[in-house]
Amino acid sequence: MKTTRELLLEIYQRLFDFFGPQHWWPGESPFEVAVGAILTQNTSWTNVAKAIANLKAAGSLDAFKLHEMDLEQLELLIRPAGYFRVKAKRLKNFIRWLCERYDGDLVNLEPVSTNRLREELLAISGIGPETADSILLYALNRPVFVVDTYTARVMVRHGLIGPELDYQQLQGLFMSNLEPDAAFFNEFHALLVMTGKDYCKPRPKCAPCPLDTLGHRTEIELNEA
C-alpha cells in the first residue's frame, strides 16, 4: 500500500503530465499578486483582472496611493471584482497594515518569519486563511500550501482525508507529507484548482479525469464516512 506522501506525489505527477505548468499567480509584481489575492475572494479571475486593470489605468496600484485614496474612489475602481464595498474595506485594511508596519513595501517583510507574518495577516479584518496563505505563497514565495474547496473535493474523493475536515487539517495533509518547497506548492495547488474546475466538480466528470484510475470513493461512501 502506498503512503500518503507517495499518493500525493502521484497525484501531482498525473496532473502535471496532463495539464502542464500553470504559471501561477498572474501579476507583474508581488504587490499586484497580494492585491489580487484579496480581490479574488468569491469571484472569477477574469473579473479581478478588470479591477486590477482599472487600478493600473488610474496609476493607483501602489501601497501609499491606495492608502491615501478615498474609499468611494477605490470602490469604483474595483467594482468589476464584485462585492466591491466589502473588498474595498478589506483591501484598505491590508494596505493600512502594510504602510503603517512595513513602510508600504513587501520587501520589508523578508526578515519576518512565516509564522509571524501569517498571524499578522490573519489579524487583519477580512483576511482569512486562504487569502493569507495565498499572499504568503504567491506574493512572498513562502512555502505554505494553499487549500480551497477544489483541494478538499479532490482529496476527499480519493480517500486521502475524511469529509469532516477543516482548513488546518487539509493544509496539514500537504505540509506534513511534502517537503516545504514554495515553487512545488505553487504548482500543485494550481493543478488541483484546474482539476476541481474541469473534472472534480460537485457532480464529477470522472471518466476523462487524469486521476480516475487512481481510485476514488463513491458518493455513498462519502456520505457514510
Protein backbone atom coordinates (compact mmCIF):
# COMPACT_ATOMS: atom_id res chain seq x y z
CA MET A 1 0.00 0.00 0.00
CA LYS A 2 1.27 3.44 -0.92
CA THR A 3 1.99 6.01 1.74
CA THR A 4 0.17 9.34 1.84
CA ARG A 5 3.30 11.05 0.55
CA GLU A 6 3.53 8.64 -2.37
CA LEU A 7 -0.13 9.16 -3.24
CA LEU A 8 0.22 12.94 -3.13
CA LEU A 9 3.27 12.81 -5.37
CA GLU A 10 1.48 10.50 -7.79
CA ILE A 11 -1.50 12.87 -7.91
CA TYR A 12 0.83 15.77 -8.59
CA GLN A 13 2.66 13.94 -11.38
CA ARG A 14 -0.53 12.81 -13.08
CA LEU A 15 -1.96 16.31 -13.02
CA PHE A 16 1.28 17.93 -14.18
CA ASP A 17 1.62 15.47 -17.07
CA PHE A 18 -2.00 16.13 -18.06
CA PHE A 19 -2.34 19.90 -17.60
CA GLY A 20 1.26 21.08 -17.83
CA PRO A 21 2.70 24.02 -15.85
CA GLN A 22 0.12 26.61 -14.78
CA HIS A 23 2.37 29.68 -14.29
CA TRP A 24 0.51 30.94 -11.22
CA TRP A 25 -0.04 33.58 -9.87
CA PRO A 26 -0.67 36.17 -12.63
CA GLY A 27 0.80 39.53 -11.67
CA GLU A 28 3.62 41.87 -12.62
CA SER A 29 4.79 42.38 -9.04
CA PRO A 30 4.41 40.77 -5.61
CA PHE A 31 2.23 43.72 -4.56
CA GLU A 32 -0.12 43.17 -7.51
CA VAL A 33 -0.35 39.49 -6.57
CA ALA A 34 -1.25 40.38 -2.98
CA VAL A 35 -3.96 42.78 -4.14
CA GLY A 36 -5.28 40.11 -6.49
CA ALA A 37 -5.43 37.57 -3.67
CA ILE A 38 -7.78 39.87 -1.75
CA LEU A 39 -9.92 40.81 -4.74
CA THR A 40 -10.38 37.24 -5.98
CA GLN A 41 -12.50 36.21 -2.99
CA ASN A 42 -15.84 34.87 -4.27
CA THR A 43 -15.29 35.85 -7.89
CA SER A 44 -13.55 34.74 -11.08
CA TRP A 45 -10.07 35.85 -12.04
CA THR A 46 -11.47 37.47 -15.19
CA ASN A 47 -13.32 39.98 -13.01
CA VAL A 48 -10.30 40.54 -10.80
CA ALA A 49 -8.14 41.26 -13.86
CA LYS A 50 -10.57 44.02 -14.87
CA ALA A 51 -10.36 45.58 -11.42
CA ILE A 52 -6.57 45.47 -11.40
CA ALA A 53 -6.53 46.97 -14.90
CA ASN A 54 -8.62 49.85 -13.55
CA LEU A 55 -6.14 50.40 -10.72
CA LYS A 56 -3.26 50.43 -13.18
CA ALA A 57 -5.02 52.78 -15.57
CA ALA A 58 -5.59 55.18 -12.67
CA GLY A 59 -1.92 54.93 -11.69
CA SER A 60 -3.02 53.67 -8.29
CA LEU A 61 -1.50 50.22 -7.96
CA ASP A 62 0.77 51.47 -5.22
CA ALA A 63 0.51 50.95 -1.49
CA PHE A 64 0.71 54.61 -0.45
CA LYS A 65 -1.61 55.81 -3.22
CA LEU A 66 -4.19 53.24 -2.18
CA HIS A 67 -3.68 54.16 1.46
CA GLU A 68 -4.48 57.81 0.71
CA MET A 69 -7.33 57.11 -1.73
CA ASP A 70 -10.91 57.76 -0.68
CA LEU A 71 -12.85 54.59 -0.02
CA GLU A 72 -15.54 55.59 -2.54
CA GLN A 73 -12.96 56.03 -5.30
CA LEU A 74 -11.43 52.64 -4.53
CA GLU A 75 -14.87 51.05 -4.61
CA LEU A 76 -15.44 52.46 -8.08
CA LEU A 77 -12.10 51.20 -9.41
CA ILE A 78 -12.50 47.64 -8.11
CA ARG A 79 -16.22 47.37 -8.89
CA PRO A 80 -15.69 44.66 -11.58
CA ALA A 81 -14.39 42.28 -8.88
CA GLY A 82 -17.82 42.13 -7.22
CA TYR A 83 -18.66 42.74 -3.55
CA PHE A 84 -16.71 45.93 -4.16
CA ARG A 85 -17.71 47.71 -0.96
CA VAL A 86 -16.63 44.81 1.23
CA LYS A 87 -13.46 44.20 -0.77
CA ALA A 88 -12.50 47.88 -0.74
CA LYS A 89 -12.58 47.82 3.07
CA ARG A 90 -10.57 44.60 3.20
CA LEU A 91 -8.01 45.97 0.77
CA LYS A 92 -7.79 49.18 2.78
CA ASN A 93 -7.21 47.16 5.96
CA PHE A 94 -4.36 45.25 4.30
CA ILE A 95 -2.83 48.43 2.88
CA ARG A 96 -3.03 50.17 6.27
CA TRP A 97 -1.18 47.26 7.87
CA LEU A 98 1.48 47.26 5.14
CA CYS A 99 2.03 51.02 5.24
CA GLU A 100 1.95 51.51 8.99
CA ARG A 101 4.02 48.47 9.96
CA TYR A 102 6.27 47.90 6.95
CA ASP A 103 6.54 51.27 5.24
CA GLY A 104 4.30 50.15 2.35
CA ASP A 105 6.89 47.79 0.87
CA LEU A 106 6.62 44.00 0.77
CA VAL A 107 10.42 43.83 0.67
CA ASN A 108 10.41 44.87 4.33
CA LEU A 109 8.60 41.63 5.18
CA GLU A 110 11.57 39.48 4.18
CA PRO A 111 13.20 39.31 7.66
CA VAL A 112 9.89 38.39 9.32
CA SER A 113 9.23 34.69 9.94
CA THR A 114 6.45 32.99 8.01
CA ASN A 115 4.56 32.07 11.18
CA ARG A 116 4.59 35.64 12.45
CA LEU A 117 3.53 37.02 9.07
CA ARG A 118 0.66 34.57 8.89
CA GLU A 119 -0.52 35.59 12.35
CA GLU A 120 -0.38 39.27 11.39
CA LEU A 121 -2.23 38.71 8.12
CA LEU A 122 -4.96 36.72 9.87
CA ALA A 123 -5.35 39.56 12.36
CA ILE A 124 -6.32 41.92 9.52
CA SER A 125 -10.10 42.24 9.27
CA GLY A 126 -11.35 40.42 6.17
CA ILE A 127 -8.23 38.30 5.63
CA GLY A 128 -8.96 34.60 6.16
CA PRO A 129 -6.65 31.57 5.98
CA GLU A 130 -6.90 31.03 2.21
CA THR A 131 -6.22 34.68 1.40
CA ALA A 132 -3.39 34.92 3.95
CA ASP A 133 -1.75 31.78 2.62
CA SER A 134 -2.18 32.93 -0.99
CA ILE A 135 -0.32 36.13 -0.13
CA LEU A 136 2.40 34.16 1.65
CA LEU A 137 2.88 31.64 -1.15
CA TYR A 138 2.25 33.60 -4.32
CA ALA A 139 3.34 37.11 -3.36
CA LEU A 140 6.04 36.36 -0.79
CA ASN A 141 7.28 32.97 -2.03
CA ARG A 142 6.87 31.32 1.38
CA PRO A 143 6.43 27.50 1.44
CA VAL A 144 2.83 27.47 2.69
CA PHE A 145 0.31 25.19 0.99
CA VAL A 146 -2.91 26.95 -0.03
CA VAL A 147 -6.05 24.83 0.17
CA ASP A 148 -9.58 25.52 -1.00
CA THR A 149 -12.85 23.84 -1.94
CA TYR A 150 -11.29 22.25 -5.01
CA THR A 151 -8.45 20.79 -2.97
CA ALA A 152 -10.84 19.38 -0.39
CA ARG A 153 -13.06 17.78 -3.01
CA VAL A 154 -10.17 16.00 -4.74
CA MET A 155 -8.59 14.79 -1.52
CA VAL A 156 -11.86 13.51 -0.01
CA ARG A 157 -12.98 11.74 -3.16
CA HIS A 158 -9.67 9.92 -3.43
CA GLY A 159 -9.69 8.91 0.21
CA LEU A 160 -6.69 10.88 1.46
CA ILE A 161 -8.73 12.67 4.10
CA GLY A 162 -12.20 12.34 5.62
CA PRO A 163 -15.09 14.59 4.64
CA GLU A 164 -15.29 16.08 8.16
CA LEU A 165 -12.29 18.35 7.91
CA ASP A 166 -11.26 21.93 8.48
CA TYR A 167 -8.75 24.20 6.75
CA GLN A 168 -5.92 23.36 9.13
CA GLN A 169 -6.38 19.60 8.75
CA LEU A 170 -6.47 19.79 4.99
CA GLN A 171 -3.40 22.02 4.88
CA GLY A 172 -1.63 19.67 7.29
CA LEU A 173 -2.16 16.78 4.89
CA PHE A 174 0.21 18.50 2.47
CA MET A 175 2.52 20.30 4.87
CA SER A 176 3.26 17.18 6.94
CA ASN A 177 3.85 14.87 3.97
CA LEU A 178 5.72 17.04 1.48
CA GLU A 179 8.97 18.94 1.59
CA PRO A 180 8.50 22.71 2.12
CA ASP A 181 9.07 23.98 -1.41
CA ALA A 182 7.26 27.16 -2.50
CA ALA A 183 7.57 26.50 -6.23
CA PHE A 184 6.24 22.96 -5.84
CA PHE A 185 3.37 24.05 -3.57
CA ASN A 186 2.52 26.77 -6.08
CA GLU A 187 2.27 24.33 -8.97
CA PHE A 188 0.46 21.63 -7.00
CA HIS A 189 -2.27 23.96 -5.77
CA ALA A 190 -2.79 25.42 -9.25
CA LEU A 191 -3.13 21.92 -10.71
CA LEU A 192 -5.68 20.95 -8.07
CA VAL A 193 -7.73 24.04 -8.90
CA MET A 194 -7.70 23.06 -12.58
CA THR A 195 -8.85 19.57 -11.66
CA GLY A 196 -11.63 20.89 -9.46
CA LYS A 197 -12.87 23.31 -12.10
CA ASP A 198 -12.76 20.91 -15.05
CA TYR A 199 -13.43 17.46 -13.60
CA CYS A 200 -13.87 17.15 -9.84
CA LYS A 201 -17.00 19.29 -9.77
CA PRO A 202 -19.89 18.89 -7.31
CA ARG A 203 -21.20 16.45 -9.93
CA PRO A 204 -17.90 14.87 -11.01
CA LYS A 205 -16.74 14.05 -14.53
CA CYS A 206 -14.58 11.10 -13.53
CA ALA A 207 -14.03 9.23 -16.80
CA PRO A 208 -11.85 11.86 -18.55
CA CYS A 209 -10.10 12.98 -15.34
CA PRO A 210 -6.38 12.11 -15.12
CA LEU A 211 -7.00 10.82 -11.57
CA ASP A 212 -9.86 8.48 -12.50
CA THR A 213 -7.79 5.27 -12.44
CA LEU A 214 -6.29 6.22 -9.08
CA GLY A 215 -9.48 5.00 -7.45
CA HIS A 216 -11.97 7.07 -5.51
CA ARG A 217 -14.80 6.85 -3.03
CA THR A 218 -18.36 6.71 -4.24
CA GLU A 219 -20.85 9.36 -3.18
CA ILE A 220 -22.45 6.76 -0.86
CA GLU A 221 -19.11 6.09 0.80
CA LEU A 222 -18.55 9.83 1.21
CA ASN A 223 -21.93 10.23 2.88
CA GLU A 224 -21.28 7.33 5.23
CA ALA A 225 -17.70 8.23 6.11
